[in-house]
Amino acid sequence: MGTIVCQTCNSTITHFEDEKVSVLYAKCDHCHEDLHEEDTE
């Protein structure tokens, strides 16, 4: 079982099936949208 966690806010995004227990980091939709808003200002 694996877990994908937001690297910005540390919330759990989703779980996925895997042979090993693992944690992967990505950005959730909320934090990803905030990043784009900062770029346009």
N, C-alpha and C. Protein backbone atom coordinates (compact mmCIF):
# COMPACT_ATOMS: atom_id res chain seq x y z
N MET A 1 0.85 -1.18 0.00
CA MET A 1 0.00 0.00 0.00
C MET A 1 0.89 1.23 0.00
N GLY A 2 0.60 2.15 -0.87
CA GLY A 2 1.34 3.39 -0.93
C GLY A 2 0.42 4.57 -0.71
N THR A 3 1.00 5.67 -0.33
CA THR A 3 0.25 6.90 -0.07
C THR A 3 0.91 8.04 -0.82
N ILE A 4 0.10 8.88 -1.44
CA ILE A 4 0.61 10.11 -2.06
C ILE A 4 0.20 11.26 -1.15
N VAL A 5 1.20 12.06 -0.73
CA VAL A 5 1.01 13.14 0.23
C VAL A 5 1.40 14.46 -0.42
N CYS A 6 0.68 15.52 -0.12
CA CYS A 6 1.03 16.85 -0.63
C CYS A 6 2.30 17.34 0.05
N GLN A 7 3.28 17.75 -0.74
CA GLN A 7 4.55 18.20 -0.17
C GLN A 7 4.43 19.59 0.45
N THR A 8 3.36 20.31 0.17
CA THR A 8 3.18 21.65 0.71
C THR A 8 2.39 21.64 2.02
N CYS A 9 1.23 20.98 2.01
CA CYS A 9 0.36 21.02 3.20
C CYS A 9 0.30 19.69 3.95
N ASN A 10 0.99 18.67 3.47
CA ASN A 10 1.06 17.34 4.10
C ASN A 10 -0.28 16.62 4.20
N SER A 11 -1.27 16.99 3.39
CA SER A 11 -2.52 16.25 3.40
C SER A 11 -2.40 15.03 2.49
N THR A 12 -3.15 13.99 2.80
CA THR A 12 -3.14 12.78 1.99
C THR A 12 -3.96 13.04 0.73
N ILE A 13 -3.36 12.79 -0.43
CA ILE A 13 -4.05 13.00 -1.70
C ILE A 13 -4.79 11.72 -2.09
N THR A 14 -4.09 10.58 -2.08
CA THR A 14 -4.71 9.31 -2.46
C THR A 14 -3.85 8.16 -1.98
N HIS A 15 -4.40 6.96 -2.09
CA HIS A 15 -3.67 5.73 -1.79
C HIS A 15 -3.59 4.92 -3.06
N PHE A 16 -2.55 4.08 -3.18
CA PHE A 16 -2.42 3.21 -4.34
C PHE A 16 -1.87 1.86 -3.92
N GLU A 17 -2.12 0.86 -4.75
CA GLU A 17 -1.67 -0.49 -4.46
C GLU A 17 -0.21 -0.64 -4.87
N ASP A 18 0.60 -1.19 -3.98
CA ASP A 18 2.01 -1.45 -4.25
C ASP A 18 2.45 -2.59 -3.36
N GLU A 19 3.49 -3.29 -3.75
CA GLU A 19 3.98 -4.41 -2.94
C GLU A 19 4.60 -3.91 -1.64
N LYS A 20 5.22 -2.74 -1.68
CA LYS A 20 5.88 -2.18 -0.50
C LYS A 20 5.06 -1.01 0.05
N VAL A 21 5.26 -0.73 1.32
CA VAL A 21 4.66 0.47 1.91
C VAL A 21 5.54 1.64 1.52
N SER A 22 4.96 2.64 0.88
CA SER A 22 5.76 3.77 0.42
C SER A 22 4.96 5.06 0.52
N VAL A 23 5.69 6.17 0.55
CA VAL A 23 5.08 7.49 0.56
C VAL A 23 5.71 8.28 -0.58
N LEU A 24 4.86 8.81 -1.45
CA LEU A 24 5.31 9.65 -2.54
C LEU A 24 4.78 11.06 -2.30
N TYR A 25 5.54 12.05 -2.74
CA TYR A 25 5.12 13.44 -2.53
C TYR A 25 4.78 14.10 -3.85
N ALA A 26 3.71 14.89 -3.85
CA ALA A 26 3.25 15.65 -5.01
C ALA A 26 2.60 16.90 -4.46
N LYS A 27 1.91 17.64 -5.30
CA LYS A 27 1.15 18.80 -4.84
C LYS A 27 -0.33 18.54 -5.09
N CYS A 28 -1.15 18.80 -4.07
CA CYS A 28 -2.59 18.62 -4.22
C CYS A 28 -3.15 19.73 -5.11
N ASP A 29 -4.39 19.55 -5.57
CA ASP A 29 -5.01 20.53 -6.46
C ASP A 29 -5.08 21.91 -5.82
N HIS A 30 -5.37 21.97 -4.53
CA HIS A 30 -5.50 23.25 -3.84
C HIS A 30 -4.16 24.00 -3.83
N CYS A 31 -3.08 23.34 -3.46
CA CYS A 31 -1.76 23.98 -3.40
C CYS A 31 -1.24 24.28 -4.80
N HIS A 32 -1.57 23.43 -5.76
CA HIS A 32 -1.14 23.64 -7.14
C HIS A 32 -1.80 24.90 -7.70
N GLU A 33 -3.08 25.12 -7.38
CA GLU A 33 -3.79 26.33 -7.84
C GLU A 33 -3.19 27.57 -7.19
N ASP A 34 -2.85 27.51 -5.90
CA ASP A 34 -2.25 28.65 -5.21
C ASP A 34 -0.93 29.04 -5.87
N LEU A 35 -0.16 28.06 -6.30
CA LEU A 35 1.13 28.31 -6.94
C LEU A 35 0.93 29.09 -8.24
N HIS A 36 -0.08 28.71 -9.03
CA HIS A 36 -0.34 29.40 -10.29
C HIS A 36 -0.81 30.84 -10.07
N GLU A 37 -1.58 31.07 -9.02
CA GLU A 37 -2.05 32.42 -8.72
C GLU A 37 -0.88 33.33 -8.37
N GLU A 38 0.13 32.81 -7.65
CA GLU A 38 1.30 33.61 -7.27
C GLU A 38 2.13 33.96 -8.51
N ASP A 39 2.19 33.05 -9.48
CA ASP A 39 2.97 33.27 -10.70
C ASP A 39 2.39 34.39 -11.55
N THR A 40 1.07 34.57 -11.52
CA THR A 40 0.43 35.55 -12.39
C THR A 40 0.45 36.96 -11.80
N GLU A 41 0.77 37.09 -10.53
CA GLU A 41 0.77 38.43 -9.90
C GLU A 41 2.06 39.15 -10.16
